């Protein structure tokens, strides 16, 4: 499945309807949590989304919830399906970690209630369409949209969302096409690139090139800190607090957009200039446990960058490989393959005791990653030429 996110510009009436739609979806989700948790606590019964769906027609006929008729019924049902999936994941976690509690004393992984102040979503899969400058969803009609690229006609669904800054977006999900770009059966070793990901240098490749880490969050820290202080001084529930919250949200959105744009540009360049990309396998969740480096790792956003490289490689019919996470790429000399015993993070250059070659830590790791990736390509039956 592939999705394309576009900006939409609803008018006042459409904004009023969308806000009501978000509220209905959120209310159904929260009511579902209350019903399921209550039945589980009192009767030790697990209620499925299929059972809760039967209650929707009854709720629409009642005096209290008759207003649910105004909104898309499939969007409400999708909210219950998402809740059912959340509880299934929770039950799996409970089998592994039954005694772990979160900060509020609830079981770890228990689904949380949705807040009106978070990002809002509404899913629509029936009677949806789009044209040059608008999209259409059930019970609302055409909404002005900025279609910034060519979209195939095989539209599956549309998800409307509202960001924390009050902007509205539509995510157009496309049906999977049968004609996928086949992977290259023959690659040139000069077009195979190994990537070493780090903090001081975001990327180092096997062509002896490095990409500096932009550090978007660090550059915006002073401005963000000032606005967060202003927000903390405002009284909860007041209009001034809401204005201060909006300024903080806009600052975070600007950081996120800048990082996203940079990663898309960088990943597109890497894929265009290579036939195969080899990276190391990173366990980012484990790395984030390091309190000294967690903020810098999150700012670099390694996982998002690797995801962008991976799906763009697939779309272009090029190879994307991950090597074994335990391969010592930094401590291995790429010339003689000898391994040194210890290499701390503060050492950026080192000399091999076997062949006396001097190595840049990141460049050496990138070359070793490429050499290991070439072995994986050959094992998979890909012809690798020397040219």
Protein backbone atom coordinates (compact mmCIF):
# COMPACT_ATOMS: atom_id res chain seq x y z
CA UNK A 1 0.00 0.00 0.00
CA UNK A 2 1.15 3.52 -0.81
CA UNK A 3 -0.25 6.78 0.53
CA UNK A 4 0.14 10.40 -0.55
CA UNK A 5 -0.44 13.18 1.96
CA UNK A 6 -1.90 16.46 0.68
CA UNK A 7 -2.94 19.70 2.38
CA UNK A 8 -6.67 20.49 2.36
CA UNK A 9 -8.43 23.82 2.95
CA UNK A 10 -11.99 23.27 4.26
CA UNK A 11 -14.35 26.25 4.60
CA UNK A 12 -16.06 27.20 7.89
CA UNK A 13 -18.97 24.78 7.43
CA UNK A 14 -16.65 21.94 6.48
CA UNK A 15 -14.36 22.68 9.46
CA UNK A 16 -17.38 22.51 11.77
CA UNK A 17 -18.38 19.15 10.26
CA UNK A 18 -14.85 17.71 10.40
CA UNK A 19 -14.43 18.73 14.03
CA UNK A 20 -17.71 16.98 14.80
CA UNK A 21 -16.52 13.91 12.86
CA UNK A 22 -13.28 13.84 14.86
CA UNK A 23 -15.26 14.17 18.08
CA UNK A 24 -17.56 11.27 17.14
CA UNK A 25 -14.63 9.01 16.25
CA UNK A 26 -12.84 9.94 19.46
CA UNK A 27 -15.96 9.41 21.59
CA UNK A 28 -16.60 5.95 20.12
CA UNK A 29 -12.98 4.97 20.79
CA UNK A 30 -13.05 6.20 24.39
CA UNK A 31 -16.46 4.59 25.10
CA UNK A 32 -15.08 1.36 23.71
CA UNK A 33 -12.13 1.48 26.12
CA UNK A 34 -14.50 2.08 29.04
CA UNK A 35 -16.78 -0.85 28.07
CA UNK A 36 -13.95 -3.33 27.37
CA UNK A 37 -11.96 -2.46 30.50
CA UNK A 38 -15.09 -2.62 32.68
CA UNK A 39 -16.09 -6.06 31.37
CA UNK A 40 -12.51 -7.28 31.73
CA UNK A 41 -12.18 -6.09 35.34
CA UNK A 42 -15.59 -7.21 36.63
CA UNK A 43 -16.28 -10.35 34.60
CA UNK A 44 -12.84 -11.21 33.14
CA UNK A 45 -14.41 -11.20 29.65
CA UNK A 46 -12.79 -9.98 26.45
CA UNK A 47 -15.13 -7.93 24.28
CA UNK A 48 -14.23 -7.76 20.57
CA UNK A 49 -14.79 -4.91 18.12
CA UNK A 50 -17.41 -7.06 16.34
CA UNK A 51 -19.51 -7.07 19.51
CA UNK A 52 -19.15 -3.31 19.96
CA UNK A 53 -20.20 -2.69 16.34
CA UNK A 54 -23.62 -4.14 17.18
CA UNK A 55 -24.09 -1.38 19.76
CA UNK A 56 -23.61 1.44 17.21
CA UNK A 57 -27.09 1.18 15.60
CA UNK A 58 -28.64 1.02 19.07
CA UNK A 59 -26.71 4.12 20.16
CA UNK A 60 -27.85 6.07 17.06
CA UNK A 61 -31.51 5.37 17.96
CA UNK A 62 -31.09 6.62 21.53
CA UNK A 63 -31.83 10.20 22.56
CA UNK A 64 -28.33 10.74 23.95
CA UNK A 65 -26.31 9.66 20.92
CA UNK A 66 -28.71 10.32 18.03
CA UNK A 67 -26.24 12.92 16.67
CA UNK A 68 -23.95 10.08 15.53
CA UNK A 69 -26.24 9.70 12.48
CA UNK A 70 -24.74 12.89 11.05
CA UNK A 71 -21.34 11.31 10.49
CA UNK A 72 -19.80 8.54 8.39
CA UNK A 73 -20.68 5.17 9.96
CA UNK A 74 -17.64 3.46 8.41
CA UNK A 75 -15.34 5.95 10.14
CA UNK A 76 -16.93 5.03 13.48
CA UNK A 77 -16.54 1.32 12.76
CA UNK A 78 -12.88 1.83 11.82
CA UNK A 79 -12.33 3.48 15.20
CA UNK A 80 -13.59 0.29 16.89
CA UNK A 81 -11.35 -1.87 14.68
CA UNK A 82 -8.35 0.21 15.74
CA UNK A 83 -9.39 -0.23 19.36
CA UNK A 84 -9.71 -3.99 18.90
CA UNK A 85 -6.18 -4.13 17.47
CA UNK A 86 -4.87 -2.04 20.39
CA UNK A 87 -6.36 -4.47 22.93
CA UNK A 88 -5.04 -7.51 21.06
CA UNK A 89 -1.55 -5.99 21.23
CA UNK A 90 -2.12 -5.28 24.94
CA UNK A 91 -3.06 -8.91 25.64
CA UNK A 92 0.11 -10.09 23.88
CA UNK A 93 2.24 -7.74 25.99
CA UNK A 94 0.52 -8.96 29.16
CA UNK A 95 1.56 -12.54 28.42
CA UNK A 96 5.21 -11.49 28.24
CA UNK A 97 5.26 -8.82 30.98
CA UNK A 98 2.30 -9.41 33.33
CA UNK A 99 3.74 -7.54 36.33
CA UNK A 100 5.02 -4.36 34.65
CA UNK A 101 3.03 -1.18 35.37
CA UNK A 102 3.14 2.27 33.79
CA UNK A 103 3.50 5.55 35.70
CA UNK A 104 -0.23 5.69 36.49
CA UNK A 105 -0.24 2.17 37.91
CA UNK A 106 -2.07 0.61 34.96
CA UNK A 107 -0.78 -2.50 33.15
CA UNK A 108 1.95 -1.79 30.63
CA UNK A 109 0.60 -1.29 27.10
CA UNK A 110 -3.01 -0.60 28.16
CA UNK A 111 -4.80 1.52 25.47
CA UNK A 112 -5.07 5.17 26.42
CA UNK A 113 -8.04 7.49 26.05
CA UNK A 114 -7.81 9.91 23.13
CA UNK A 115 -7.68 13.62 23.91
CA UNK A 116 -9.26 16.46 21.95
CA UNK A 117 -5.91 18.25 22.13
CA UNK A 118 -3.99 15.52 20.26
CA UNK A 119 -3.77 14.94 16.50
CA UNK A 120 -7.22 13.94 15.19
CA UNK A 121 -7.96 11.33 12.48
CA UNK A 122 -10.99 10.15 10.55
CA UNK A 123 -10.91 7.20 8.09
CA UNK A 124 -13.17 7.03 5.00
CA UNK A 125 -13.16 4.12 2.54
CA UNK A 126 -16.51 4.42 0.72
CA UNK A 127 -17.72 7.05 -1.75
CA UNK A 128 -14.33 8.81 -1.80
CA UNK A 129 -12.71 10.46 -4.80
CA UNK A 130 -10.44 13.31 -5.87
CA UNK A 131 -9.94 15.67 -8.83
CA UNK A 132 -7.37 18.30 -9.79
CA UNK A 133 -7.88 20.61 -6.80
CA UNK A 134 -10.28 18.88 -4.41
CA UNK A 135 -11.15 15.64 -2.63
CA UNK A 136 -14.52 14.17 -1.69
CA UNK A 137 -15.57 12.22 1.40
CA UNK A 138 -19.02 10.97 2.49
CA UNK A 139 -21.59 13.47 3.86
CA UNK A 140 -19.37 16.46 3.17
CA UNK A 141 -18.75 16.76 -0.56
CA UNK A 142 -15.76 18.40 -2.19
CA UNK A 143 -13.00 19.93 -0.07
CA UNK A 144 -10.40 22.23 -1.60
CA UNK A 145 -7.02 20.48 -1.73
CA UNK A 146 -3.52 21.14 -3.04
CA UNK A 147 -2.69 18.10 -5.20
CA UNK A 148 1.05 18.51 -5.66
CA UNK A 149 1.76 15.38 -7.74
CA UNK A 150 0.17 12.97 -10.17
CA UNK A 151 -1.98 10.41 -8.36
CA UNK A 152 -2.96 7.07 -9.97
CA UNK A 153 -6.68 6.36 -10.26
CA UNK A 154 -6.65 3.30 -7.98
CA UNK A 155 -7.77 5.13 -4.80
CA UNK A 156 -8.61 2.90 -1.83
CA UNK A 157 -9.36 5.25 1.08
CA UNK A 158 -8.86 8.75 2.45
CA UNK A 159 -7.83 9.59 6.01
CA UNK A 160 -8.51 13.15 7.13
CA UNK A 161 -6.32 14.51 9.93
CA UNK A 162 -5.96 17.73 11.90
CA UNK A 163 -2.51 18.63 13.23
CA UNK A 164 -1.78 20.25 16.59
CA UNK A 165 -1.41 23.58 14.79
CA UNK A 166 -4.92 23.37 13.33
CA UNK A 167 -3.91 22.43 9.77
CA UNK A 168 -5.96 19.85 7.87
CA UNK A 169 -4.48 17.08 5.73
CA UNK A 170 -5.77 14.19 3.66
CA UNK A 171 -3.81 10.94 3.26
CA UNK A 172 -4.83 9.23 0.01
CA UNK A 173 -4.18 5.49 0.22
CA UNK A 174 -3.71 3.72 -3.12
CA UNK A 175 -4.43 0.11 -3.93
CA UNK A 176 -1.32 -2.06 -4.48
CA UNK A 177 -0.46 -2.36 -8.16
CA UNK A 178 0.33 -5.70 -9.75
CA UNK A 179 3.14 -4.26 -11.84
CA UNK A 180 6.01 -3.66 -9.40
CA UNK A 181 9.46 -2.52 -10.50
CA UNK A 182 11.65 -5.70 -10.60
CA UNK A 183 14.90 -5.66 -8.66
CA UNK A 184 18.14 -5.39 -10.61
CA UNK A 185 19.70 -8.82 -11.30
CA UNK A 186 23.11 -7.34 -12.06
CA UNK A 187 24.88 -4.56 -10.16
CA UNK A 188 28.24 -2.86 -10.45
CA UNK A 189 30.44 -2.86 -7.34
CA UNK A 190 31.21 0.83 -7.95
CA UNK A 191 27.46 1.54 -7.70
CA UNK A 192 27.11 -0.30 -4.39
CA UNK A 193 27.32 2.07 -1.42
CA UNK A 194 27.78 1.26 2.25
CA UNK A 195 26.38 3.69 4.81
CA UNK A 196 27.53 4.17 8.39
CA UNK A 197 25.09 6.19 10.51
CA UNK A 198 26.27 8.31 13.41
CA UNK A 199 25.71 11.47 15.45
CA UNK A 200 28.63 13.78 14.70
CA UNK A 201 28.34 12.82 11.04
CA UNK A 202 24.83 11.74 10.14
CA UNK A 203 26.14 9.57 7.30
CA UNK A 204 29.51 8.36 6.09
CA UNK A 205 29.59 6.35 2.86
CA UNK A 206 32.06 3.96 1.31
CA UNK A 207 33.01 6.61 -1.28
CA UNK A 208 34.87 8.55 1.47
CA UNK A 209 32.09 11.15 1.77
CA UNK A 210 30.44 12.39 4.95
CA UNK A 211 27.14 14.19 5.55
CA UNK A 212 27.02 16.54 8.54
CA UNK A 213 24.24 16.12 11.09
CA UNK A 214 21.91 19.16 10.74
CA UNK A 215 20.82 18.91 14.43
CA UNK A 216 17.44 20.55 13.82
CA UNK A 217 16.26 20.21 17.43
CA UNK A 218 19.50 21.57 18.88
CA UNK A 219 19.36 24.65 16.65
CA UNK A 220 15.77 25.38 17.75
CA UNK A 221 16.32 24.61 21.46
CA UNK A 222 16.64 28.23 22.58
CA UNK A 223 13.45 29.34 20.83
CA UNK A 224 11.56 26.22 21.91
CA UNK A 225 12.67 26.56 25.54
CA UNK A 226 11.46 30.17 25.71
CA UNK A 227 8.03 29.27 24.33
CA UNK A 228 7.69 26.27 26.62
CA UNK A 229 8.44 28.48 29.62
CA UNK A 230 5.72 30.90 28.51
CA UNK A 231 3.30 27.99 28.17
CA UNK A 232 4.07 26.68 31.68
CA UNK A 233 3.19 30.10 33.19
CA UNK A 234 -0.30 30.20 31.65
CA UNK A 235 -3.33 29.09 33.61
CA UNK A 236 -4.95 25.89 32.36
CA UNK A 237 -8.19 26.35 30.45
CA UNK A 238 -7.55 29.96 29.45
CA UNK A 239 -7.37 31.41 25.93
CA UNK A 240 -3.83 32.68 26.56
CA UNK A 241 -2.66 29.14 27.38
CA UNK A 242 -4.19 27.87 24.15
CA UNK A 243 -2.30 30.56 22.20
CA UNK A 244 0.96 29.63 23.95
CA UNK A 245 0.32 25.93 23.25
CA UNK A 246 -0.17 26.75 19.57
CA UNK A 247 3.19 28.56 19.42
CA UNK A 248 4.97 25.53 20.93
CA UNK A 249 3.18 23.20 18.47
CA UNK A 250 4.21 25.39 15.52
CA UNK A 251 7.84 25.30 16.66
CA UNK A 252 7.79 21.49 16.85
CA UNK A 253 6.07 21.31 13.46
CA UNK A 254 8.74 23.50 11.87
CA UNK A 255 11.49 21.23 13.25
CA UNK A 256 9.68 18.11 12.01
CA UNK A 257 9.08 19.55 8.53
CA UNK A 258 12.71 20.65 8.17
CA UNK A 259 14.00 17.21 9.22
CA UNK A 260 11.52 15.45 6.94
CA UNK A 261 12.45 17.57 3.92
CA UNK A 262 16.17 17.03 4.52
CA UNK A 263 15.76 13.25 4.82
CA UNK A 264 13.62 13.01 1.66
CA UNK A 265 16.21 14.99 -0.33
CA UNK A 266 19.12 12.97 1.04
CA UNK A 267 17.46 9.56 0.54
CA UNK A 268 16.46 10.47 -3.05
CA UNK A 269 20.06 11.47 -3.84
CA UNK A 270 21.45 8.22 -2.37
CA UNK A 271 19.03 6.04 -4.38
CA UNK A 272 19.59 7.95 -7.65
CA UNK A 273 23.38 7.56 -7.43
CA UNK A 274 23.52 3.86 -6.50
CA UNK A 275 22.25 0.43 -7.53
CA UNK A 276 22.43 -1.13 -4.05
CA UNK A 277 22.49 0.41 -0.58
CA UNK A 278 23.97 -1.47 2.38
CA UNK A 279 23.35 -0.32 5.96
CA UNK A 280 23.99 -1.64 9.44
CA UNK A 281 21.17 -3.07 11.55
CA UNK A 282 20.43 -0.63 14.39
CA UNK A 283 18.46 -1.32 17.56
CA UNK A 284 17.43 2.29 18.14
CA UNK A 285 15.13 1.51 21.09
CA UNK A 286 18.04 -0.02 22.98
CA UNK A 287 20.31 2.91 22.10
CA UNK A 288 17.76 5.39 23.46
CA UNK A 289 18.30 3.92 26.94
CA UNK A 290 21.62 5.77 26.99
CA UNK A 291 20.62 9.01 28.76
CA UNK A 292 23.62 10.95 27.44
CA UNK A 293 22.93 10.19 23.76
CA UNK A 294 19.14 9.67 23.68
CA UNK A 295 18.29 13.28 22.73
CA UNK A 296 20.91 13.39 19.96
CA UNK A 297 19.81 10.02 18.56
CA UNK A 298 16.17 11.14 18.50
CA UNK A 299 17.15 14.40 16.79
CA UNK A 300 19.07 12.50 14.09
CA UNK A 301 16.02 10.22 13.55
CA UNK A 302 17.94 7.26 12.09
CA UNK A 303 14.90 4.98 11.77
CA UNK A 304 12.93 7.47 9.65
CA UNK A 305 15.89 8.00 7.33
CA UNK A 306 16.42 4.26 6.82
CA UNK A 307 12.70 3.77 6.15
CA UNK A 308 12.78 6.45 3.44
CA UNK A 309 15.85 4.88 1.81
CA UNK A 310 14.26 1.41 1.96
CA UNK A 311 10.95 2.24 0.29
CA UNK A 312 12.56 4.47 -2.34
CA UNK A 313 14.97 1.68 -3.22
CA UNK A 314 12.03 -0.71 -3.63
CA UNK A 315 10.17 1.75 -5.85
CA UNK A 316 13.26 2.22 -8.04
CA UNK A 317 13.96 -1.53 -8.29
CA UNK A 318 17.25 -1.24 -6.41
CA UNK A 319 18.64 -3.37 -3.59
CA UNK A 320 18.53 -2.43 0.09
CA UNK A 321 20.35 -4.75 2.49
CA UNK A 322 20.98 -4.76 6.24
CA UNK A 323 24.04 -6.55 7.58
CA UNK A 324 24.29 -8.46 10.86
CA UNK A 325 24.00 -6.11 13.84
CA UNK A 326 26.91 -7.83 15.61
CA UNK A 327 29.37 -7.25 12.76
CA UNK A 328 32.23 -5.07 14.13
CA UNK A 329 32.41 -2.63 11.22
CA UNK A 330 34.20 0.14 13.14
CA UNK A 331 36.85 -2.08 14.77
CA UNK A 332 37.77 -4.05 11.62
CA UNK A 333 40.50 -2.85 9.25
CA UNK A 334 39.01 -2.86 5.76
CA UNK A 335 42.42 -3.52 4.17
CA UNK A 336 43.70 -6.53 6.13
CA UNK A 337 40.48 -7.47 8.02
CA UNK A 338 42.28 -7.53 11.37
CA UNK A 339 40.19 -6.70 14.44
CA UNK A 340 41.29 -4.41 17.26
CA UNK A 341 40.26 -5.25 20.82
CA UNK A 342 38.77 -1.93 21.92
CA UNK A 343 37.59 1.27 20.23
CA UNK A 344 35.77 3.87 22.35
CA UNK A 345 33.43 6.49 20.90
CA UNK A 346 35.85 9.37 21.51
CA UNK A 347 38.43 7.85 19.12
CA UNK A 348 37.60 9.13 15.63
CA UNK A 349 40.82 7.97 13.91
CA UNK A 350 42.92 4.91 14.60
CA UNK A 351 45.90 3.01 13.15
CA UNK A 352 45.87 -0.70 12.38
CA UNK A 353 48.59 -2.57 14.29
CA UNK A 354 48.81 -5.23 11.59
CA UNK A 355 49.20 -3.22 8.35
CA UNK A 356 49.85 0.28 9.82
CA UNK A 357 46.97 1.76 7.82
CA UNK A 358 45.35 4.89 9.30
CA UNK A 359 41.55 4.91 9.28
CA UNK A 360 38.80 7.42 9.79
CA UNK A 361 36.38 5.59 12.09
CA UNK A 362 33.18 6.30 10.10
CA UNK A 363 34.65 5.90 6.61
CA UNK A 364 36.30 2.60 7.58
CA UNK A 365 32.98 1.34 8.98
CA UNK A 366 31.15 2.32 5.77
CA UNK A 367 33.67 0.44 3.60
CA UNK A 368 33.37 -2.66 5.79
CA UNK A 369 29.58 -2.45 5.56
CA UNK A 370 29.84 -2.34 1.78
CA UNK A 371 32.17 -5.37 1.68
CA UNK A 372 29.80 -7.34 3.92
CA UNK A 373 26.84 -6.25 1.78
CA UNK A 374 28.54 -7.47 -1.40
CA UNK A 375 28.71 -10.95 0.17
CA UNK A 376 24.95 -10.80 0.89
CA UNK A 377 24.19 -9.78 -2.71
CA UNK A 378 26.25 -12.66 -4.11
CA UNK A 379 24.58 -15.09 -1.68
CA UNK A 380 21.17 -13.94 -2.97
CA UNK A 381 22.23 -14.74 -6.55
CA UNK A 382 22.85 -11.15 -7.70
CA UNK A 383 25.63 -10.81 -10.26
CA UNK A 384 28.20 -8.24 -9.03
CA UNK A 385 30.58 -6.88 -11.67
CA UNK A 386 33.88 -5.12 -10.95
CA UNK A 387 33.19 -2.13 -13.21
